Amino acid sequence: MPTFFIISGFLVSNSEKRKGARASFSQVIRVTKLYLVWSVIYLPLWIVDNRSELSLSLVVEYLQRFLFDGSYWHLWYLPSLIFAIIIFYGMQKLFKGNKVAIITVSLVCYLIGLIGDSYSGIFEKIPVIESCLACLLYTYDAADDLIG
């Protein structure tokens, strides 16, 4: 999957160079339309899968997943791409196009995600990193409780 993000980032970056900031907005709109179309296509399947336990809390959970995880399990890439384009645009504005700063912040975020997920079993044994991960997870869980 990282390859898809790398290719998408390359394409967004190239269109940003040619068309400016408008390109990021048009990319977000294009991917959002695609995501909405496929979400509508898969909505009846989700309803059939959950018809026995359909409730208001399940609908709220679906809406939360729609925004953050993907409306159906394999559509996770599209909302992730939307947020990645928005973050890229924000970093372009914040760092005024400074590529070194953007790459540095991106690598730090990547390493945090890598330590917190892929290598969490190894790094949980180091007390300082374990407490930092616990703080991050606590923050994430608290935000998740507020939303859902």
Protein backbone atom coordinates (compact mmCIF):
# COMPACT_ATOMS: atom_id res chain seq x y z
CA MET A 1 0.00 0.00 0.00
CA PRO A 2 2.77 2.54 0.59
CA THR A 3 3.45 2.36 -3.15
CA PHE A 4 -0.05 3.69 -3.89
CA PHE A 5 0.52 6.64 -1.56
CA ILE A 6 3.91 7.34 -3.12
CA ILE A 7 2.44 7.30 -6.64
CA SER A 8 -0.53 9.41 -5.55
CA GLY A 9 1.79 11.86 -3.81
CA PHE A 10 3.92 12.14 -6.92
CA LEU A 11 0.86 12.84 -9.07
CA VAL A 12 -0.53 15.41 -6.62
CA SER A 13 2.87 17.09 -6.33
CA ASN A 14 3.25 17.30 -10.11
CA SER A 15 -0.22 18.77 -10.60
CA GLU A 16 0.48 21.21 -7.74
CA LYS A 17 3.59 22.40 -9.59
CA ARG A 18 1.68 22.91 -12.83
CA LYS A 19 -1.62 24.32 -11.55
CA GLY A 20 -0.81 25.70 -8.10
CA ALA A 21 -2.94 25.38 -4.96
CA ARG A 22 -6.12 24.90 -7.01
CA ALA A 23 -4.80 21.49 -8.02
CA SER A 24 -4.97 20.17 -4.44
CA PHE A 25 -8.56 21.30 -4.08
CA SER A 26 -9.55 19.73 -7.41
CA GLN A 27 -7.79 16.50 -6.42
CA VAL A 28 -9.72 16.39 -3.14
CA ILE A 29 -13.00 16.99 -4.99
CA ARG A 30 -12.21 14.30 -7.57
CA VAL A 31 -11.28 11.65 -4.97
CA THR A 32 -14.25 12.63 -2.78
CA LYS A 33 -16.66 12.13 -5.71
CA LEU A 34 -15.15 8.74 -6.40
CA TYR A 35 -15.43 7.79 -2.73
CA LEU A 36 -19.05 8.93 -2.53
CA VAL A 37 -20.04 6.98 -5.63
CA TRP A 38 -18.49 3.75 -4.35
CA SER A 39 -19.91 4.31 -0.87
CA VAL A 40 -23.41 4.62 -2.34
CA ILE A 41 -22.82 1.46 -4.39
CA TYR A 42 -21.77 -0.47 -1.27
CA LEU A 43 -24.42 1.01 1.07
CA PRO A 44 -27.09 -1.63 0.24
CA LEU A 45 -24.57 -4.36 0.97
CA TRP A 46 -23.78 -2.78 4.36
CA ILE A 47 -27.51 -2.57 5.12
CA VAL A 48 -28.00 -6.26 4.25
CA ASP A 49 -24.98 -7.24 6.37
CA ASN A 50 -26.33 -5.29 9.38
CA ARG A 51 -30.12 -5.63 8.96
CA SER A 52 -30.57 -7.73 12.09
CA GLU A 53 -28.91 -5.19 14.39
CA LEU A 54 -29.75 -1.91 12.62
CA SER A 55 -29.93 0.89 15.20
CA LEU A 56 -29.11 4.56 15.59
CA SER A 57 -25.76 3.78 17.24
CA LEU A 58 -24.84 1.52 14.31
CA VAL A 59 -25.69 4.29 11.83
CA VAL A 60 -23.54 6.74 13.84
CA GLU A 61 -20.71 4.19 13.81
CA TYR A 62 -21.11 3.86 10.03
CA LEU A 63 -20.88 7.63 9.61
CA GLN A 64 -17.75 7.71 11.77
CA ARG A 65 -16.21 4.92 9.72
CA PHE A 66 -17.30 6.71 6.55
CA LEU A 67 -15.24 9.76 7.53
CA PHE A 68 -12.16 8.09 8.98
CA ASP A 69 -11.87 4.40 8.02
CA GLY A 70 -13.78 3.97 4.79
CA SER A 71 -17.47 3.23 4.40
CA TYR A 72 -16.77 -0.36 3.47
CA TRP A 73 -13.68 -2.27 4.57
CA HIS A 74 -11.72 -2.05 1.31
CA LEU A 75 -12.48 1.64 0.66
CA TRP A 76 -10.13 2.81 3.46
CA TYR A 77 -7.61 4.11 0.93
CA LEU A 78 -9.85 6.84 -0.48
CA PRO A 79 -10.55 8.81 2.75
CA SER A 80 -6.89 8.31 3.69
CA LEU A 81 -5.87 9.81 0.36
CA ILE A 82 -8.26 12.73 0.85
CA PHE A 83 -6.77 13.51 4.27
CA ALA A 84 -3.23 13.05 2.91
CA ILE A 85 -3.85 15.60 0.15
CA ILE A 86 -5.33 18.06 2.67
CA ILE A 87 -2.36 17.56 5.02
CA PHE A 88 0.08 17.98 2.12
CA TYR A 89 -1.62 21.22 1.09
CA GLY A 90 -1.55 22.47 4.69
CA MET A 91 2.13 21.62 5.04
CA GLN A 92 2.86 23.39 1.74
CA LYS A 93 1.21 26.53 3.13
CA LEU A 94 2.69 26.20 6.64
CA PHE A 95 6.26 25.67 5.48
CA LYS A 96 5.92 27.89 2.40
CA GLY A 97 7.05 25.10 0.08
CA ASN A 98 10.21 24.29 2.07
CA LYS A 99 10.77 20.69 0.94
CA VAL A 100 13.27 19.87 3.70
CA ALA A 101 10.77 20.85 6.42
CA ILE A 102 7.93 18.97 4.73
CA ILE A 103 10.02 15.81 4.31
CA THR A 104 11.29 16.05 7.91
CA VAL A 105 7.79 16.38 9.39
CA SER A 106 6.55 13.59 7.10
CA LEU A 107 9.35 11.26 8.22
CA VAL A 108 8.72 12.01 11.89
CA CYS A 109 5.00 11.24 11.44
CA TYR A 110 5.88 8.06 9.52
CA LEU A 111 8.27 6.92 12.27
CA ILE A 112 5.67 7.58 14.97
CA GLY A 113 3.17 5.48 13.04
CA LEU A 114 5.73 2.75 12.44
CA ILE A 115 6.74 2.59 16.09
CA GLY A 116 3.13 2.74 17.27
CA ASP A 117 1.86 0.02 14.95
CA SER A 118 4.30 -2.21 13.07
CA TYR A 119 7.01 -2.36 15.74
CA SER A 120 4.90 -1.73 18.83
CA GLY A 121 5.81 -5.10 20.37
CA ILE A 122 9.50 -4.24 20.31
CA PHE A 123 9.21 -0.63 21.43
CA GLU A 124 6.73 -1.33 24.24
CA LYS A 125 9.64 -2.86 26.13
CA ILE A 126 11.42 0.52 26.26
CA PRO A 127 9.77 2.49 29.10
CA VAL A 128 10.15 5.98 27.61
CA ILE A 129 8.73 4.99 24.23
CA GLU A 130 6.03 2.87 25.87
CA SER A 131 4.79 5.84 27.90
CA CYS A 132 4.83 8.09 24.80
CA LEU A 133 2.81 5.49 22.89
CA ALA A 134 0.40 5.18 25.80
CA CYS A 135 -0.07 8.96 25.77
CA LEU A 136 -0.72 8.97 22.02
CA LEU A 137 -3.18 6.08 22.27
CA TYR A 138 -4.94 7.71 25.22
CA THR A 139 -5.33 10.92 23.19
CA TYR A 140 -6.61 8.96 20.19
CA ASP A 141 -9.07 6.95 22.34
CA ALA A 142 -10.34 10.14 24.02
CA ALA A 143 -10.93 11.76 20.61
CA ASP A 144 -12.60 8.57 19.40
CA ASP A 145 -14.92 8.60 22.44
CA LEU A 146 -15.89 12.22 21.73
CA ILE A 147 -16.72 11.45 18.11
CA GLY A 148 -18.36 8.08 18.52
